[in-house]
Every structure is written in C-alpha cells, then in structure tokens.
Amino acid sequence: MTDQDREQYMRDYTFAVQRLRASPDDAIDAFTLLQVRTLKKYPNLSQAIADAVTAIRAKKDPAAPLLRARRILDGSTGALDTLPVWSGAW
C-alpha cells in the first residue's frame, strides 16, 4: 500500500470509528465509502471493512474486523515465517 493511500484510508477509517458510538448509521456510510474505494486495489482491506459493516448492521461487535482492517492499514498483517520460542513452563 502506498504511503499516500495509507494516510488517506487511515483518516477515513478513524473518522468512521469516531462516528460509531454516536451515530452508527453515519459510521456505516463512512465505512461503506471506504470499502468501495479500497475494493479494487486492496481487497483484503475492503473485505475487513465489509465484515465490520455487516457486524454493525447486525448489532454485533465489530471489533475483530475493525482490528483486522487497522492491522492492514498499519501494514502489520504479515505472517510469521518462524515459530516463536517457547517461553512457558510445563
């Protein structure tokens, strides 16, 4: 994702999240616009936002898909290429 896209989408994402408690309908509109704008270039982000909109409309907790979208925007969605070292005790 380009830095310019990331900055714009992060602003839009933040705006929508801020609307979530006070006006869920406004948040849905903002998220839907973001979903449409990201559909072609960033389908994973678009899907995460779509999942959040679905949860909001169903009056369910949208935290998981919103976190997924945020991680994509932060660029932290990469898979681990190794297993972490076990640090627990049996």
N, C-alpha and C. Protein backbone atom coordinates (compact mmCIF):
# COMPACT_ATOMS: atom_id res chain seq x y z
N MET A 1 0.85 -1.17 0.00
CA MET A 1 0.00 0.00 0.00
C MET A 1 0.90 1.23 0.00
N THR A 2 0.58 2.17 -0.84
CA THR A 2 1.38 3.39 -0.89
C THR A 2 1.16 4.22 0.38
N ASP A 3 2.13 5.02 0.72
CA ASP A 3 2.01 5.88 1.90
C ASP A 3 0.83 6.83 1.76
N GLN A 4 0.65 7.36 0.55
CA GLN A 4 -0.46 8.29 0.31
C GLN A 4 -1.81 7.60 0.52
N ASP A 5 -1.96 6.39 -0.02
CA ASP A 5 -3.20 5.64 0.18
C ASP A 5 -3.41 5.34 1.67
N ARG A 6 -2.34 4.88 2.31
CA ARG A 6 -2.42 4.53 3.73
C ARG A 6 -2.89 5.73 4.57
N GLU A 7 -2.32 6.89 4.32
CA GLU A 7 -2.69 8.08 5.08
C GLU A 7 -4.17 8.44 4.87
N GLN A 8 -4.60 8.41 3.62
CA GLN A 8 -5.99 8.76 3.32
C GLN A 8 -6.96 7.74 3.92
N TYR A 9 -6.66 6.48 3.75
CA TYR A 9 -7.55 5.44 4.28
C TYR A 9 -7.56 5.44 5.81
N MET A 10 -6.43 5.75 6.42
CA MET A 10 -6.38 5.83 7.87
C MET A 10 -7.23 6.98 8.38
N ARG A 11 -7.19 8.10 7.69
CA ARG A 11 -8.05 9.24 8.06
C ARG A 11 -9.53 8.84 7.95
N ASP A 12 -9.87 8.19 6.85
CA ASP A 12 -11.26 7.77 6.65
C ASP A 12 -11.69 6.74 7.68
N TYR A 13 -10.81 5.81 7.97
CA TYR A 13 -11.08 4.77 8.97
C TYR A 13 -11.30 5.42 10.34
N THR A 14 -10.42 6.32 10.73
CA THR A 14 -10.52 6.99 12.02
C THR A 14 -11.81 7.79 12.12
N PHE A 15 -12.16 8.50 11.06
CA PHE A 15 -13.40 9.25 11.03
C PHE A 15 -14.60 8.32 11.28
N ALA A 16 -14.63 7.20 10.59
CA ALA A 16 -15.75 6.25 10.72
C ALA A 16 -15.81 5.66 12.12
N VAL A 17 -14.67 5.28 12.67
CA VAL A 17 -14.64 4.71 14.03
C VAL A 17 -15.14 5.74 15.05
N GLN A 18 -14.76 6.98 14.88
CA GLN A 18 -15.20 8.02 15.81
C GLN A 18 -16.72 8.22 15.75
N ARG A 19 -17.34 7.92 14.64
CA ARG A 19 -18.79 8.06 14.48
C ARG A 19 -19.56 6.86 15.03
N LEU A 20 -18.87 5.79 15.30
CA LEU A 20 -19.52 4.52 15.60
C LEU A 20 -20.47 4.59 16.80
N ARG A 21 -20.04 5.17 17.90
CA ARG A 21 -20.90 5.20 19.09
C ARG A 21 -22.04 6.21 18.97
N ALA A 22 -21.73 7.40 18.50
CA ALA A 22 -22.73 8.46 18.46
C ALA A 22 -23.74 8.27 17.32
N SER A 23 -23.27 7.77 16.20
CA SER A 23 -24.14 7.65 15.03
C SER A 23 -23.73 6.46 14.18
N PRO A 24 -24.19 5.26 14.55
CA PRO A 24 -23.83 4.06 13.79
C PRO A 24 -24.17 4.16 12.30
N ASP A 25 -25.27 4.82 11.97
CA ASP A 25 -25.64 4.96 10.55
C ASP A 25 -24.60 5.79 9.79
N ASP A 26 -24.11 6.85 10.41
CA ASP A 26 -23.05 7.65 9.78
C ASP A 26 -21.76 6.83 9.64
N ALA A 27 -21.47 6.02 10.65
CA ALA A 27 -20.29 5.16 10.58
C ALA A 27 -20.43 4.15 9.45
N ILE A 28 -21.60 3.56 9.31
CA ILE A 28 -21.84 2.60 8.23
C ILE A 28 -21.62 3.28 6.88
N ASP A 29 -22.15 4.50 6.72
CA ASP A 29 -21.95 5.23 5.46
C ASP A 29 -20.46 5.48 5.20
N ALA A 30 -19.74 5.92 6.23
CA ALA A 30 -18.31 6.20 6.06
C ALA A 30 -17.51 4.94 5.76
N PHE A 31 -17.82 3.86 6.48
CA PHE A 31 -17.13 2.59 6.21
C PHE A 31 -17.46 2.06 4.81
N THR A 32 -18.70 2.21 4.40
CA THR A 32 -19.09 1.72 3.07
C THR A 32 -18.36 2.47 1.98
N LEU A 33 -18.22 3.78 2.12
CA LEU A 33 -17.44 4.55 1.14
C LEU A 33 -15.99 4.07 1.10
N LEU A 34 -15.43 3.83 2.27
CA LEU A 34 -14.05 3.33 2.33
C LEU A 34 -13.95 1.94 1.71
N GLN A 35 -14.92 1.11 1.97
CA GLN A 35 -14.94 -0.24 1.39
C GLN A 35 -14.93 -0.17 -0.14
N VAL A 36 -15.77 0.67 -0.71
CA VAL A 36 -15.85 0.79 -2.16
C VAL A 36 -14.55 1.32 -2.74
N ARG A 37 -13.96 2.31 -2.08
CA ARG A 37 -12.71 2.90 -2.59
C ARG A 37 -11.54 1.93 -2.53
N THR A 38 -11.57 0.98 -1.61
CA THR A 38 -10.44 0.05 -1.46
C THR A 38 -10.66 -1.28 -2.19
N LEU A 39 -11.83 -1.49 -2.72
CA LEU A 39 -12.18 -2.79 -3.29
C LEU A 39 -11.22 -3.28 -4.37
N LYS A 40 -10.88 -2.45 -5.29
CA LYS A 40 -10.06 -2.88 -6.43
C LYS A 40 -8.58 -3.07 -6.07
N LYS A 41 -8.01 -2.07 -5.39
CA LYS A 41 -6.56 -2.11 -5.10
C LYS A 41 -6.21 -2.91 -3.85
N TYR A 42 -7.11 -2.90 -2.87
CA TYR A 42 -6.80 -3.52 -1.58
C TYR A 42 -7.99 -4.38 -1.12
N PRO A 43 -8.23 -5.50 -1.80
CA PRO A 43 -9.42 -6.31 -1.49
C PRO A 43 -9.45 -6.86 -0.07
N ASN A 44 -8.30 -7.12 0.53
CA ASN A 44 -8.28 -7.63 1.91
C ASN A 44 -8.80 -6.56 2.88
N LEU A 45 -8.40 -5.32 2.67
CA LEU A 45 -8.89 -4.22 3.49
C LEU A 45 -10.38 -4.02 3.25
N SER A 46 -10.78 -4.06 2.01
CA SER A 46 -12.20 -3.90 1.67
C SER A 46 -13.05 -4.97 2.34
N GLN A 47 -12.57 -6.21 2.35
CA GLN A 47 -13.33 -7.29 2.97
C GLN A 47 -13.42 -7.12 4.49
N ALA A 48 -12.35 -6.69 5.11
CA ALA A 48 -12.38 -6.46 6.56
C ALA A 48 -13.41 -5.38 6.90
N ILE A 49 -13.45 -4.34 6.09
CA ILE A 49 -14.41 -3.27 6.33
C ILE A 49 -15.83 -3.76 6.08
N ALA A 50 -16.01 -4.56 5.03
CA ALA A 50 -17.33 -5.13 4.75
C ALA A 50 -17.81 -5.98 5.92
N ASP A 51 -16.89 -6.76 6.49
CA ASP A 51 -17.24 -7.59 7.65
C ASP A 51 -17.63 -6.73 8.85
N ALA A 52 -16.96 -5.61 9.02
CA ALA A 52 -17.30 -4.70 10.11
C ALA A 52 -18.69 -4.09 9.89
N VAL A 53 -18.98 -3.68 8.67
CA VAL A 53 -20.30 -3.12 8.36
C VAL A 53 -21.39 -4.16 8.61
N THR A 54 -21.14 -5.39 8.20
CA THR A 54 -22.11 -6.46 8.44
C THR A 54 -22.37 -6.63 9.93
N ALA A 55 -21.31 -6.61 10.72
CA ALA A 55 -21.46 -6.75 12.18
C ALA A 55 -22.23 -5.57 12.76
N ILE A 56 -21.92 -4.37 12.33
CA ILE A 56 -22.61 -3.19 12.85
C ILE A 56 -24.10 -3.25 12.52
N ARG A 57 -24.40 -3.61 11.29
CA ARG A 57 -25.82 -3.70 10.88
C ARG A 57 -26.56 -4.76 11.67
N ALA A 58 -25.86 -5.83 12.04
CA ALA A 58 -26.48 -6.92 12.80
C ALA A 58 -26.46 -6.64 14.30
N LYS A 59 -25.96 -5.45 14.67
CA LYS A 59 -25.85 -5.05 16.07
C LYS A 59 -24.97 -6.03 16.86
N LYS A 60 -23.92 -6.49 16.18
CA LYS A 60 -22.91 -7.35 16.80
C LYS A 60 -21.62 -6.55 16.98
N ASP A 61 -20.70 -7.12 17.72
CA ASP A 61 -19.44 -6.45 18.00
C ASP A 61 -18.55 -6.44 16.74
N PRO A 62 -18.23 -5.26 16.22
CA PRO A 62 -17.38 -5.18 15.02
C PRO A 62 -15.89 -5.13 15.33
N ALA A 63 -15.51 -5.38 16.59
CA ALA A 63 -14.11 -5.19 16.99
C ALA A 63 -13.13 -6.04 16.18
N ALA A 64 -13.44 -7.31 15.96
CA ALA A 64 -12.50 -8.18 15.25
C ALA A 64 -12.25 -7.71 13.82
N PRO A 65 -13.28 -7.45 13.01
CA PRO A 65 -12.98 -6.98 11.66
C PRO A 65 -12.37 -5.58 11.63
N LEU A 66 -12.73 -4.74 12.60
CA LEU A 66 -12.10 -3.41 12.65
C LEU A 66 -10.63 -3.52 13.01
N LEU A 67 -10.30 -4.43 13.89
CA LEU A 67 -8.90 -4.65 14.23
C LEU A 67 -8.14 -5.20 13.03
N ARG A 68 -8.79 -6.11 12.29
CA ARG A 68 -8.16 -6.66 11.08
C ARG A 68 -7.90 -5.54 10.08
N ALA A 69 -8.87 -4.65 9.89
CA ALA A 69 -8.69 -3.52 8.98
C ALA A 69 -7.56 -2.61 9.46
N ARG A 70 -7.53 -2.35 10.74
CA ARG A 70 -6.49 -1.48 11.30
C ARG A 70 -5.11 -2.09 11.10
N ARG A 71 -5.00 -3.38 11.30
CA ARG A 71 -3.71 -4.04 11.09
C ARG A 71 -3.27 -3.97 9.63
N ILE A 72 -4.22 -4.11 8.73
CA ILE A 72 -3.89 -3.98 7.31
C ILE A 72 -3.40 -2.56 7.03
N LEU A 73 -4.10 -1.57 7.57
CA LEU A 73 -3.69 -0.19 7.38
C LEU A 73 -2.32 0.10 8.00
N ASP A 74 -2.04 -0.55 9.12
CA ASP A 74 -0.74 -0.37 9.78
C ASP A 74 0.36 -1.15 9.08
N GLY A 75 -0.03 -2.05 8.19
CA GLY A 75 0.95 -2.87 7.49
C GLY A 75 1.46 -4.01 8.34
N SER A 76 0.69 -4.41 9.35
CA SER A 76 1.16 -5.46 10.25
C SER A 76 0.36 -6.74 10.11
N THR A 77 0.06 -7.12 8.87
CA THR A 77 -0.72 -8.33 8.66
C THR A 77 0.11 -9.49 8.14
N GLY A 78 1.41 -9.31 8.09
CA GLY A 78 2.26 -10.37 7.56
C GLY A 78 2.26 -11.61 8.43
N ALA A 79 2.49 -12.72 7.79
CA ALA A 79 2.55 -13.98 8.51
C ALA A 79 3.93 -14.18 9.11
N LEU A 80 3.98 -14.91 10.19
CA LEU A 80 5.26 -15.25 10.79
C LEU A 80 5.94 -16.31 9.95
N ASP A 81 7.22 -16.17 9.71
CA ASP A 81 7.92 -17.18 8.94
C ASP A 81 8.62 -18.19 9.84
N THR A 82 8.58 -17.97 11.14
CA THR A 82 9.10 -18.93 12.11
C THR A 82 8.18 -18.96 13.31
N LEU A 83 8.29 -20.00 14.06
CA LEU A 83 7.52 -20.11 15.29
C LEU A 83 8.26 -19.37 16.41
N PRO A 84 7.53 -18.71 17.28
CA PRO A 84 8.21 -18.05 18.39
C PRO A 84 8.80 -19.08 19.35
N VAL A 85 9.83 -18.69 20.05
CA VAL A 85 10.46 -19.58 21.02
C VAL A 85 9.52 -19.78 22.19
N TRP A 86 9.39 -21.04 22.63
CA TRP A 86 8.54 -21.36 23.76
C TRP A 86 9.16 -20.81 25.03
N SER A 87 8.39 -20.03 25.78
CA SER A 87 8.95 -19.45 26.99
C SER A 87 8.18 -19.87 28.23
N GLY A 88 7.19 -20.71 28.03
CA GLY A 88 6.37 -21.15 29.17
C GLY A 88 6.95 -22.41 29.81
N ALA A 89 6.42 -22.74 30.94
CA ALA A 89 6.84 -23.96 31.64
C ALA A 89 5.72 -24.98 31.56
N TRP A 90 6.08 -26.22 31.60
CA TRP A 90 5.07 -27.30 31.59
C TRP A 90 4.61 -27.52 32.96
